[in-house]
Amino acid sequence: YMDTTLGPFILNVTSGALLCSQALCSGHGRCARRSNHPEALL
């Protein structure tokens, strides 16, 4: 499960959070979903 499902997903979402932080916060903050986009995921 780790090799095929969990590992790839964790790498995906943690990378998404890091890249969003760099793109939106210059690396000095954490991205949080806007209330008008309740289904958005990183």
Full PDB file with SEQRES, HELIX, SHEET, SSBOND, CRYST1, ORIGX, SCALE, CONECT and MASTER records, all heavy atoms in Angstrom:
SEQRES   1 A   42  TYR MET ASP THR THR LEU GLY PRO PHE ILE LEU ASN VAL          
SEQRES   2 A   42  THR SER GLY ALA LEU LEU CYS SER GLN ALA LEU CYS SER          
SEQRES   3 A   42  GLY HIS GLY ARG CYS ALA ARG ARG SER ASN HIS PRO GLU          
SEQRES   4 A   42  ALA LEU LEU                                                  
HELIX    1 AA1 MET A    2  LEU A    6  3                                   5    
HELIX    2 AA2 GLY A    7  CYS A   25  1                                  19    
SSBOND   1 CYS A   20    CYS A   31                          1555   1555  2.11  
CRYST1    1.000    1.000    1.000  90.00  90.00  90.00 P 1           1          
ORIGX1      1.000000  0.000000  0.000000        0.00000                         
ORIGX2      0.000000  1.000000  0.000000        0.00000                         
ORIGX3      0.000000  0.000000  1.000000        0.00000                         
SCALE1      1.000000  0.000000  0.000000        0.00000                         
SCALE2      0.000000  1.000000  0.000000        0.00000                         
SCALE3      0.000000  0.000000  1.000000        0.00000                         
ATOM      1  N   TYR A   1       0.836  -1.201   0.000  1.00  0.00           N  
ATOM      2  CA  TYR A   1       0.000   0.000   0.000  1.00  0.00           C  
ATOM      3  C   TYR A   1       0.873   1.253   0.000  1.00  0.00           C  
ATOM      4  O   TYR A   1       0.590   2.224  -0.708  1.00  0.00           O  
ATOM      5  CB  TYR A   1      -0.895  -0.042   1.228  1.00  0.00           C  
ATOM      6  CG  TYR A   1      -1.864   1.105   1.383  1.00  0.00           C  
ATOM      7  CD1 TYR A   1      -2.991   1.210   0.568  1.00  0.00           C  
ATOM      8  CD2 TYR A   1      -1.681   2.058   2.375  1.00  0.00           C  
ATOM      9  CE1 TYR A   1      -3.898   2.242   0.734  1.00  0.00           C  
ATOM     10  CE2 TYR A   1      -2.581   3.089   2.559  1.00  0.00           C  
ATOM     11  CZ  TYR A   1      -3.688   3.176   1.735  1.00  0.00           C  
ATOM     12  OH  TYR A   1      -4.580   4.202   1.906  1.00  0.00           O  
ATOM     13  N   MET A   2       1.935   1.246   0.804  1.00  0.00           N  
ATOM     14  CA  MET A   2       2.859   2.376   0.854  1.00  0.00           C  
ATOM     15  C   MET A   2       3.501   2.611  -0.519  1.00  0.00           C  
ATOM     16  O   MET A   2       3.598   3.747  -0.991  1.00  0.00           O  
ATOM     17  CB  MET A   2       3.956   2.116   1.887  1.00  0.00           C  
ATOM     18  CG  MET A   2       3.503   2.196   3.328  1.00  0.00           C  
ATOM     19  SD  MET A   2       3.306   3.888   3.894  1.00  0.00           S  
ATOM     20  CE  MET A   2       4.997   4.462   3.833  1.00  0.00           C  
ATOM     21  N   ASP A   3       3.913   1.533  -1.167  1.00  0.00           N  
ATOM     22  CA  ASP A   3       4.626   1.649  -2.443  1.00  0.00           C  
ATOM     23  C   ASP A   3       3.716   2.111  -3.575  1.00  0.00           C  
ATOM     24  O   ASP A   3       4.147   2.875  -4.454  1.00  0.00           O  
ATOM     25  CB  ASP A   3       5.257   0.312  -2.817  1.00  0.00           C  
ATOM     26  CG  ASP A   3       6.422  -0.066  -1.911  1.00  0.00           C  
ATOM     27  OD1 ASP A   3       6.941   0.819  -1.207  1.00  0.00           O  
ATOM     28  OD2 ASP A   3       6.789  -1.258  -1.894  1.00  0.00           O  
ATOM     29  N   THR A   4       2.481   1.673  -3.555  1.00  0.00           N  
ATOM     30  CA  THR A   4       1.616   1.899  -4.711  1.00  0.00           C  
ATOM     31  C   THR A   4       0.592   3.020  -4.534  1.00  0.00           C  
ATOM     32  O   THR A   4       0.175   3.631  -5.522  1.00  0.00           O  
ATOM     33  CB  THR A   4       0.843   0.613  -5.049  1.00  0.00           C  
ATOM     34  OG1 THR A   4       0.007   0.256  -3.925  1.00  0.00           O  
ATOM     35  CG2 THR A   4       1.800  -0.533  -5.358  1.00  0.00           C  
ATOM     36  N   THR A   5       0.172   3.285  -3.287  1.00  0.00           N  
ATOM     37  CA  THR A   5      -0.919   4.239  -3.067  1.00  0.00           C  
ATOM     38  C   THR A   5      -0.532   5.372  -2.124  1.00  0.00           C  
ATOM     39  O   THR A   5      -0.553   6.546  -2.504  1.00  0.00           O  
ATOM     40  CB  THR A   5      -2.154   3.504  -2.499  1.00  0.00           C  
ATOM     41  OG1 THR A   5      -2.515   2.433  -3.377  1.00  0.00           O  
ATOM     42  CG2 THR A   5      -3.338   4.456  -2.372  1.00  0.00           C  
ATOM     43  N   LEU A   6      -0.178   5.034  -0.887  1.00  0.00           N  
ATOM     44  CA  LEU A   6       0.074   6.060   0.114  1.00  0.00           C  
ATOM     45  C   LEU A   6       1.322   6.877  -0.208  1.00  0.00           C  
ATOM     46  O   LEU A   6       1.281   8.116  -0.145  1.00  0.00           O  
ATOM     47  CB  LEU A   6       0.202   5.422   1.498  1.00  0.00           C  
ATOM     48  CG  LEU A   6       0.450   6.392   2.656  1.00  0.00           C  
ATOM     49  CD1 LEU A   6      -0.712   7.362   2.801  1.00  0.00           C  
ATOM     50  CD2 LEU A   6       0.674   5.623   3.967  1.00  0.00           C  
ATOM     51  N   GLY A   7       2.424   6.216  -0.525  1.00  0.00           N  
ATOM     52  CA  GLY A   7       3.665   6.933  -0.794  1.00  0.00           C  
ATOM     53  C   GLY A   7       3.537   7.946  -1.914  1.00  0.00           C  
ATOM     54  O   GLY A   7       3.878   9.132  -1.736  1.00  0.00           O  
ATOM     55  N   PRO A   8       3.040   7.534  -3.093  1.00  0.00           N  
ATOM     56  CA  PRO A   8       2.865   8.508  -4.177  1.00  0.00           C  
ATOM     57  C   PRO A   8       1.929   9.653  -3.803  1.00  0.00           C  
ATOM     58  O   PRO A   8       2.175  10.800  -4.185  1.00  0.00           O  
ATOM     59  CB  PRO A   8       2.285   7.665  -5.314  1.00  0.00           C  
ATOM     60  CG  PRO A   8       2.793   6.282  -5.047  1.00  0.00           C  
ATOM     61  CD  PRO A   8       2.805   6.148  -3.566  1.00  0.00           C  
ATOM     62  N   PHE A   9       0.861   9.350  -3.047  1.00  0.00           N  
ATOM     63  CA  PHE A   9      -0.070  10.423  -2.685  1.00  0.00           C  
ATOM     64  C   PHE A   9       0.584  11.413  -1.728  1.00  0.00           C  
ATOM     65  O   PHE A   9       0.415  12.631  -1.869  1.00  0.00           O  
ATOM     66  CB  PHE A   9      -1.347   9.853  -2.066  1.00  0.00           C  
ATOM     67  CG  PHE A   9      -2.355  10.930  -1.753  1.00  0.00           C  
ATOM     68  CD1 PHE A   9      -3.131  11.474  -2.764  1.00  0.00           C  
ATOM     69  CD2 PHE A   9      -2.489  11.424  -0.469  1.00  0.00           C  
ATOM     70  CE1 PHE A   9      -4.036  12.498  -2.494  1.00  0.00           C  
ATOM     71  CE2 PHE A   9      -3.397  12.440  -0.187  1.00  0.00           C  
ATOM     72  CZ  PHE A   9      -4.171  12.980  -1.213  1.00  0.00           C  
ATOM     73  N   ILE A  10       1.318  10.907  -0.730  1.00  0.00           N  
ATOM     74  CA  ILE A  10       1.993  11.808   0.214  1.00  0.00           C  
ATOM     75  C   ILE A  10       2.998  12.687  -0.522  1.00  0.00           C  
ATOM     76  O   ILE A  10       3.081  13.904  -0.278  1.00  0.00           O  
ATOM     77  CB  ILE A  10       2.677  11.000   1.336  1.00  0.00           C  
ATOM     78  CG1 ILE A  10       1.629  10.409   2.277  1.00  0.00           C  
ATOM     79  CG2 ILE A  10       3.655  11.880   2.115  1.00  0.00           C  
ATOM     80  CD1 ILE A  10       2.210   9.550   3.382  1.00  0.00           C  
ATOM     81  N   LEU A  11       3.776  12.098  -1.420  1.00  0.00           N  
ATOM     82  CA  LEU A  11       4.734  12.894  -2.186  1.00  0.00           C  
ATOM     83  C   LEU A  11       4.010  13.955  -3.014  1.00  0.00           C  
ATOM     84  O   LEU A  11       4.456  15.109  -3.093  1.00  0.00           O  
ATOM     85  CB  LEU A  11       5.559  11.981  -3.102  1.00  0.00           C  
ATOM     86  CG  LEU A  11       6.585  12.674  -4.000  1.00  0.00           C  
ATOM     87  CD1 LEU A  11       7.584  13.483  -3.178  1.00  0.00           C  
ATOM     88  CD2 LEU A  11       7.311  11.661  -4.877  1.00  0.00           C  
ATOM     89  N   ASN A  12       2.878  13.593  -3.574  1.00  0.00           N  
ATOM     90  CA  ASN A  12       2.105  14.527  -4.388  1.00  0.00           C  
ATOM     91  C   ASN A  12       1.604  15.702  -3.548  1.00  0.00           C  
ATOM     92  O   ASN A  12       1.845  16.870  -3.871  1.00  0.00           O  
ATOM     93  CB  ASN A  12       0.931  13.779  -5.022  1.00  0.00           C  
ATOM     94  CG  ASN A  12       0.208  14.598  -6.073  1.00  0.00           C  
ATOM     95  OD1 ASN A  12       0.036  15.805  -5.952  1.00  0.00           O  
ATOM     96  ND2 ASN A  12      -0.253  13.928  -7.121  1.00  0.00           N  
ATOM     97  N   VAL A  13       0.923  15.419  -2.449  1.00  0.00           N  
ATOM     98  CA  VAL A  13       0.273  16.489  -1.694  1.00  0.00           C  
ATOM     99  C   VAL A  13       1.280  17.330  -0.912  1.00  0.00           C  
ATOM    100  O   VAL A  13       1.107  18.548  -0.780  1.00  0.00           O  
ATOM    101  CB  VAL A  13      -0.835  15.908  -0.774  1.00  0.00           C  
ATOM    102  CG1 VAL A  13      -0.260  15.223   0.452  1.00  0.00           C  
ATOM    103  CG2 VAL A  13      -1.815  16.998  -0.361  1.00  0.00           C  
ATOM    104  N   THR A  14       2.347  16.721  -0.385  1.00  0.00           N  
ATOM    105  CA  THR A  14       3.350  17.521   0.321  1.00  0.00           C  
ATOM    106  C   THR A  14       4.116  18.404  -0.662  1.00  0.00           C  
ATOM    107  O   THR A  14       4.448  19.555  -0.337  1.00  0.00           O  
ATOM    108  CB  THR A  14       4.322  16.627   1.109  1.00  0.00           C  
ATOM    109  OG1 THR A  14       4.895  15.651   0.240  1.00  0.00           O  
ATOM    110  CG2 THR A  14       3.614  15.921   2.250  1.00  0.00           C  
ATOM    111  N   SER A  15       4.382  17.879  -1.845  1.00  0.00           N  
ATOM    112  CA  SER A  15       5.037  18.697  -2.867  1.00  0.00           C  
ATOM    113  C   SER A  15       4.119  19.830  -3.309  1.00  0.00           C  
ATOM    114  O   SER A  15       4.563  20.972  -3.508  1.00  0.00           O  
ATOM    115  CB  SER A  15       5.426  17.839  -4.066  1.00  0.00           C  
ATOM    116  OG  SER A  15       6.339  16.819  -3.691  1.00  0.00           O  
ATOM    117  N   GLY A  16       2.823  19.534  -3.436  1.00  0.00           N  
ATOM    118  CA  GLY A  16       1.873  20.570  -3.799  1.00  0.00           C  
ATOM    119  C   GLY A  16       1.823  21.678  -2.760  1.00  0.00           C  
ATOM    120  O   GLY A  16       1.785  22.873  -3.093  1.00  0.00           O  
ATOM    121  N   ALA A  17       1.836  21.307  -1.482  1.00  0.00           N  
ATOM    122  CA  ALA A  17       1.814  22.301  -0.409  1.00  0.00           C  
ATOM    123  C   ALA A  17       3.081  23.141  -0.428  1.00  0.00           C  
ATOM    124  O   ALA A  17       3.038  24.375  -0.247  1.00  0.00           O  
ATOM    125  CB  ALA A  17       1.651  21.600   0.941  1.00  0.00           C  
ATOM    126  N   LEU A  18       4.232  22.500  -0.637  1.00  0.00           N  
ATOM    127  CA  LEU A  18       5.505  23.224  -0.661  1.00  0.00           C  
ATOM    128  C   LEU A  18       5.567  24.177  -1.851  1.00  0.00           C  
ATOM    129  O   LEU A  18       5.954  25.350  -1.715  1.00  0.00           O  
ATOM    130  CB  LEU A  18       6.660  22.229  -0.723  1.00  0.00           C  
ATOM    131  CG  LEU A  18       8.074  22.828  -0.840  1.00  0.00           C  
ATOM    132  CD1 LEU A  18       8.391  23.690   0.370  1.00  0.00           C  
ATOM    133  CD2 LEU A  18       9.106  21.728  -1.003  1.00  0.00           C  
ATOM    134  N   LEU A  19       5.184  23.706  -3.018  1.00  0.00           N  
ATOM    135  CA  LEU A  19       5.239  24.550  -4.214  1.00  0.00           C  
ATOM    136  C   LEU A  19       4.249  25.707  -4.117  1.00  0.00           C  
ATOM    137  O   LEU A  19       4.543  26.821  -4.565  1.00  0.00           O  
ATOM    138  CB  LEU A  19       4.961  23.710  -5.459  1.00  0.00           C  
ATOM    139  CG  LEU A  19       6.078  22.729  -5.836  1.00  0.00           C  
ATOM    140  CD1 LEU A  19       5.594  21.749  -6.900  1.00  0.00           C  
ATOM    141  CD2 LEU A  19       7.315  23.487  -6.323  1.00  0.00           C  
ATOM    142  N   CYS A  20       3.103  25.465  -3.516  1.00  0.00           N  
ATOM    143  CA  CYS A  20       2.125  26.541  -3.328  1.00  0.00           C  
ATOM    144  C   CYS A  20       2.671  27.593  -2.367  1.00  0.00           C  
ATOM    145  O   CYS A  20       2.525  28.793  -2.576  1.00  0.00           O  
ATOM    146  CB  CYS A  20       0.811  25.968  -2.812  1.00  0.00           C  
ATOM    147  SG  CYS A  20      -0.528  27.182  -2.727  1.00  0.00           S  
ATOM    148  N   SER A  21       3.322  27.124  -1.298  1.00  0.00           N  
ATOM    149  CA  SER A  21       3.933  28.051  -0.351  1.00  0.00           C  
ATOM    150  C   SER A  21       4.973  28.928  -1.035  1.00  0.00           C  
ATOM    151  O   SER A  21       5.037  30.140  -0.813  1.00  0.00           O  
ATOM    152  CB  SER A  21       4.575  27.273   0.803  1.00  0.00           C  
ATOM    153  OG  SER A  21       5.318  28.129   1.642  1.00  0.00           O  
ATOM    154  N   GLN A  22       5.777  28.317  -1.889  1.00  0.00           N  
ATOM    155  CA  GLN A  22       6.808  29.078  -2.590  1.00  0.00           C  
ATOM    156  C   GLN A  22       6.193  30.053  -3.588  1.00  0.00           C  
ATOM    157  O   GLN A  22       6.644  31.204  -3.723  1.00  0.00           O  
ATOM    158  CB  GLN A  22       7.758  28.119  -3.301  1.00  0.00           C  
ATOM    159  CG  GLN A  22       8.582  27.263  -2.349  1.00  0.00           C  
ATOM    160  CD  GLN A  22       9.344  26.162  -3.058  1.00  0.00           C  
ATOM    161  OE1 GLN A  22       9.083  25.852  -4.226  1.00  0.00           O  
ATOM    162  NE2 GLN A  22      10.293  25.544  -2.361  1.00  0.00           N  
ATOM    163  N   ALA A  23       5.147  29.603  -4.272  1.00  0.00           N  
ATOM    164  CA  ALA A  23       4.548  30.429  -5.331  1.00  0.00           C  
ATOM    165  C   ALA A  23       3.711  31.566  -4.768  1.00  0.00           C  
ATOM    166  O   ALA A  23       3.744  32.695  -5.280  1.00  0.00           O  
ATOM    167  CB  ALA A  23       3.697  29.553  -6.247  1.00  0.00           C  
ATOM    168  N   LEU A  24       2.935  31.289  -3.691  1.00  0.00           N  
ATOM    169  CA  LEU A  24       2.006  32.285  -3.165  1.00  0.00           C  
ATOM    170  C   LEU A  24       2.550  33.047  -1.968  1.00  0.00           C  
ATOM    171  O   LEU A  24       2.132  34.177  -1.707  1.00  0.00           O  
ATOM    172  CB  LEU A  24       0.682  31.623  -2.764  1.00  0.00           C  
ATOM    173  CG  LEU A  24      -0.409  31.533  -3.832  1.00  0.00           C  
ATOM    174  CD1 LEU A  24       0.056  30.724  -5.028  1.00  0.00           C  
ATOM    175  CD2 LEU A  24      -1.679  30.931  -3.235  1.00  0.00           C  
ATOM    176  N   CYS A  25       3.469  32.445  -1.215  1.00  0.00           N  
ATOM    177  CA  CYS A  25       3.898  33.022   0.065  1.00  0.00           C  
ATOM    178  C   CYS A  25       5.392  33.319   0.116  1.00  0.00           C  
ATOM    179  O   CYS A  25       5.922  33.621   1.196  1.00  0.00           O  
ATOM    180  CB  CYS A  25       3.565  32.080   1.220  1.00  0.00           C  
ATOM    181  SG  CYS A  25       1.945  31.306   1.171  1.00  0.00           S  
ATOM    182  N   SER A  26       6.095  33.169  -0.999  1.00  0.00           N  
ATOM    183  CA  SER A  26       7.550  33.320  -1.018  1.00  0.00           C  
ATOM    184  C   SER A  26       8.219  32.425   0.020  1.00  0.00           C  
ATOM    185  O   SER A  26       9.274  32.754   0.556  1.00  0.00           O  
ATOM    186  CB  SER A  26       7.945  34.782  -0.770  1.00  0.00           C  
ATOM    187  OG  SER A  26       7.486  35.608  -1.813  1.00  0.00           O  
ATOM    188  N   GLY A  27       7.582  31.297   0.328  1.00  0.00           N  
ATOM    189  CA  GLY A  27       8.139  30.352   1.278  1.00  0.00           C  
ATOM    190  C   GLY A  27       7.980  30.746   2.729  1.00  0.00           C  
ATOM    191  O   GLY A  27       8.496  30.065   3.617  1.00  0.00           O  
ATOM    192  N   HIS A  28       7.237  31.826   3.016  1.00  0.00           N  
ATOM    193  CA  HIS A  28       7.105  32.317   4.380  1.00  0.00           C  
ATOM    194  C   HIS A  28       5.704  32.096   4.955  1.00  0.00           C  
ATOM    195  O   HIS A  28       5.331  32.720   5.959  1.00  0.00           O  
ATOM    196  CB  HIS A  28       7.437  33.812   4.446  1.00  0.00           C  
ATOM    197  CG  HIS A  28       8.816  34.131   3.981  1.00  0.00           C  
ATOM    198  ND1 HIS A  28       9.923  33.420   4.376  1.00  0.00           N  
ATOM    199  CD2 HIS A  28       9.272  35.096   3.129  1.00  0.00           C  
ATOM    200  CE1 HIS A  28      11.005  33.925   3.815  1.00  0.00           C  
ATOM    201  NE2 HIS A  28      10.641  34.931   3.042  1.00  0.00           N  
ATOM    202  N   GLY A  29       4.942  31.226   4.332  1.00  0.00           N  
ATOM    203  CA  GLY A  29       3.596  30.960   4.806  1.00  0.00           C  
ATOM    204  C   GLY A  29       3.076  29.655   4.248  1.00  0.00           C  
ATOM    205  O   GLY A  29       3.763  28.971   3.478  1.00  0.00           O  
ATOM    206  N   ARG A  30       1.874  29.314   4.625  1.00  0.00           N  
ATOM    207  CA  ARG A  30       1.257  28.044   4.233  1.00  0.00           C  
ATOM    208  C   ARG A  30      -0.025  28.344   3.471  1.00  0.00           C  
ATOM    209  O   ARG A  30      -0.811  29.216   3.868  1.00  0.00           O  
ATOM    210  CB  ARG A  30       0.962  27.234   5.499  1.00  0.00           C  
ATOM    211  CG  ARG A  30       0.413  25.840   5.249  1.00  0.00           C  
ATOM    212  CD  ARG A  30       0.278  25.090   6.569  1.00  0.00           C  
ATOM    213  NE  ARG A  30       1.592  24.825   7.154  1.00  0.00           N  
ATOM    214  CZ  ARG A  30       1.995  25.331   8.315  1.00  0.00           C  
ATOM    215  NH1 ARG A  30       1.208  26.125   9.003  1.00  0.00           N  
ATOM    216  NH2 ARG A  30       3.194  25.037   8.777  1.00  0.00           N  
ATOM    217  N   CYS A  31      -0.251  27.642   2.379  1.00  0.00           N  
ATOM    218  CA  CYS A  31      -1.458  27.852   1.592  1.00  0.00           C  
ATOM    219  C   CYS A  31      -2.676  27.259   2.296  1.00  0.00           C  
ATOM    220  O   CYS A  31      -2.609  26.160   2.856  1.00  0.00           O  
ATOM    221  CB  CYS A  31      -1.310  27.219   0.212  1.00  0.00           C  
ATOM    222  SG  CYS A  31      -0.166  28.112  -0.867  1.00  0.00           S  
ATOM    223  N   ALA A  32      -3.772  27.988   2.252  1.00  0.00           N  
ATOM    224  CA  ALA A  32      -5.038  27.519   2.807  1.00  0.00           C  
ATOM    225  C   ALA A  32      -6.137  27.813   1.800  1.00  0.00           C  
ATOM    226  O   ALA A  32      -6.164  28.886   1.181  1.00  0.00           O  
ATOM    227  CB  ALA A  32      -5.339  28.202   4.135  1.00  0.00           C  
ATOM    228  N   ARG A  33      -7.035  26.898   1.645  1.00  0.00           N  
ATOM    229  CA  ARG A  33      -8.065  26.973   0.615  1.00  0.00           C  
ATOM    230  C   ARG A  33      -9.004  28.156   0.845  1.00  0.00           C  
ATOM    231  O   ARG A  33      -9.404  28.453   1.968  1.00  0.00           O  
ATOM    232  CB  ARG A  33      -8.868  25.672   0.644  1.00  0.00           C  
ATOM    233  CG  ARG A  33      -9.892  25.529  -0.449  1.00  0.00           C  
ATOM    234  CD  ARG A  33     -10.435  24.116  -0.477  1.00  0.00           C  
ATOM    235  NE  ARG A  33     -10.921  23.701   0.831  1.00  0.00           N  
ATOM    236  CZ  ARG A  33     -11.003  22.430   1.221  1.00  0.00           C  
ATOM    237  NH1 ARG A  33     -10.628  21.454   0.423  1.00  0.00           N  
ATOM    238  NH2 ARG A  33     -11.468  22.130   2.410  1.00  0.00           N  
ATOM    239  N   ARG A  34      -9.340  28.830  -0.225  1.00  0.00           N  
ATOM    240  CA  ARG A  34     -10.329  29.912  -0.154  1.00  0.00           C  
ATOM    241  C   ARG A  34     -11.725  29.317   0.020  1.00  0.00           C  
ATOM    242  O   ARG A  34     -12.032  28.248  -0.517  1.00  0.00           O  
ATOM    243  CB  ARG A  34     -10.281  30.768  -1.417  1.00  0.00           C  
ATOM    244  CG  ARG A  34      -8.966  31.518  -1.601  1.00  0.00           C  
ATOM    245  CD  ARG A  34      -9.004  32.393  -2.843  1.00  0.00           C  
ATOM    246  NE  ARG A  34      -7.726  33.048  -3.080  1.00  0.00           N  
ATOM    247  CZ  ARG A  34      -7.350  34.194  -2.515  1.00  0.00           C  
ATOM    248  NH1 ARG A  34      -8.187  34.814  -1.684  1.00  0.00           N  
ATOM    249  NH2 ARG A  34      -6.170  34.729  -2.786  1.00  0.00           N  
ATOM    250  N   SER A  35     -12.562  30.031   0.756  1.00  0.00           N  
ATOM    251  CA  SER A  35     -13.890  29.510   1.079  1.00  0.00           C  
ATOM    252  C   SER A  35     -14.771  29.329  -0.148  1.00  0.00           C  
ATOM    253  O   SER A  35     -15.687  28.503  -0.141  1.00  0.00           O  
ATOM    254  CB  SER A  35     -14.587  30.448   2.076  1.00  0.00           C  
ATOM    255  OG  SER A  35     -14.701  31.757   1.532  1.00  0.00           O  
ATOM    256  N   ASN A  36     -14.494  30.084  -1.212  1.00  0.00           N  
ATOM    257  CA  ASN A  36     -15.318  29.953  -2.422  1.00  0.00           C  
ATOM    258  C   ASN A  36     -14.837  28.840  -3.349  1.00  0.00           C  
ATOM    259  O   ASN A  36     -15.342  28.692  -4.461  1.00  0.00           O  
ATOM    260  CB  ASN A  36     -15.382  31.283  -3.166  1.00  0.00           C  
ATOM    261  CG  ASN A  36     -14.014  31.799  -3.575  1.00  0.00           C  
ATOM    262  OD1 ASN A  36     -12.991  31.361  -3.050  1.00  0.00           O  
ATOM    263  ND2 ASN A  36     -13.994  32.737  -4.509  1.00  0.00           N  
ATOM    264  N   HIS A  37     -13.842  28.048  -2.881  1.00  0.00           N  
ATOM    265  CA  HIS A  37     -13.378  26.880  -3.638  1.00  0.00           C  
ATOM    266  C   HIS A  37     -13.287  25.688  -2.688  1.00  0.00           C  
ATOM    267  O   HIS A  37     -12.201  25.168  -2.432  1.00  0.00           O  
ATOM    268  CB  HIS A  37     -12.027  27.150  -4.292  1.00  0.00           C  
ATOM    269  CG  HIS A  37     -12.091  28.098  -5.442  1.00  0.00           C  
ATOM    270  ND1 HIS A  37     -12.422  27.698  -6.724  1.00  0.00           N  
ATOM    271  CD2 HIS A  37     -11.912  29.441  -5.503  1.00  0.00           C  
ATOM    272  CE1 HIS A  37     -12.420  28.748  -7.527  1.00  0.00           C  
ATOM    273  NE2 HIS A  37     -12.118  29.818  -6.811  1.00  0.00           N  
ATOM    274  N   PRO A  38     -14.434  25.230  -2.157  1.00  0.00           N  
ATOM    275  CA  PRO A  38     -14.428  24.224  -1.098  1.00  0.00           C  
ATOM    276  C   PRO A  38     -13.908  22.854  -1.500  1.00  0.00           C  
ATOM    277  O   PRO A  38     -13.614  22.037  -0.633  1.00  0.00           O  
ATOM    278  CB  PRO A  38     -15.898  24.153  -0.672  1.00  0.00           C  
ATOM    279  CG  PRO A  38     -16.662  24.604  -1.882  1.00  0.00           C  
ATOM    280  CD  PRO A  38     -15.812  25.641  -2.513  1.00  0.00           C  
ATOM    281  N   GLU A  39     -13.792  22.589  -2.795  1.00  0.00           N  
ATOM    282  CA  GLU A  39     -13.335  21.280  -3.243  1.00  0.00           C  
ATOM    283  C   GLU A  39     -11.868  21.274  -3.665  1.00  0.00           C  
ATOM    284  O   GLU A  39     -11.327  20.223  -4.026  1.00  0.00           O  
ATOM    285  CB  GLU A  39     -14.199  20.788  -4.421  1.00  0.00           C  
ATOM    286  CG  GLU A  39     -15.688  20.726  -4.123  1.00  0.00           C  
ATOM    287  CD  GLU A  39     -16.002  19.852  -2.924  1.00  0.00           C  
ATOM    288  OE1 GLU A  39     -15.395  18.763  -2.797  1.00  0.00           O  
ATOM    289  OE2 GLU A  39     -16.842  20.258  -2.099  1.00  0.00           O  
ATOM    290  N   ALA A  40     -11.206  22.421  -3.623  1.00  0.00           N  
ATOM    291  CA  ALA A  40      -9.826  22.505  -4.102  1.00  0.00           C  
ATOM    292  C   ALA A  40      -8.883  21.722  -3.194  1.00  0.00           C  
ATOM    293  O   ALA A  40      -9.004  21.748  -1.970  1.00  0.00           O  
ATOM    294  CB  ALA A  40      -9.388  23.962  -4.169  1.00  0.00           C  
ATOM    295  N   LEU A  41      -7.946  21.026  -3.809  1.00  0.00           N  
ATOM    296  CA  LEU A  41      -6.929  20.273  -3.086  1.00  0.00           C  
ATOM    297  C   LEU A  41      -5.555  20.632  -3.636  1.00  0.00           C  
ATOM    298  O   LEU A  41      -5.423  21.039  -4.794  1.00  0.00           O  
ATOM    299  CB  LEU A  41      -7.162  18.763  -3.230  1.00  0.00           C  
ATOM    300  CG  LEU A  41      -8.438  18.191  -2.618  1.00  0.00           C  
ATOM    301  CD1 LEU A  41      -8.578  16.712  -2.989  1.00  0.00           C  
ATOM    302  CD2 LEU A  41      -8.469  18.361  -1.109  1.00  0.00           C  
ATOM    303  N   LEU A  42      -4.547  20.454  -2.794  1.00  0.00           N  
ATOM    304  CA  LEU A  42      -3.169  20.734  -3.214  1.00  0.00           C  
ATOM    305  C   LEU A  42      -2.563  19.507  -3.889  1.00  0.00           C  
ATOM    306  O   LEU A  42      -1.531  18.978  -3.476  1.00  0.00           O  
ATOM    307  CB  LEU A  42      -2.336  21.173  -2.011  1.00  0.00           C  
ATOM    308  CG  LEU A  42      -2.650  22.581  -1.494  1.00  0.00           C  
ATOM    309  CD1 LEU A  42      -2.012  22.808  -0.134  1.00  0.00           C  
ATOM    310  CD2 LEU A  42      -2.168  23.632  -2.502  1.00  0.00           C  
TER     311      LEU A  42                                                      
CONECT  147  222                                                                
CONECT  222  147                                                                
MASTER        0    0    0    2    0    0    0    6  310    1    2    4          
END                                                                             
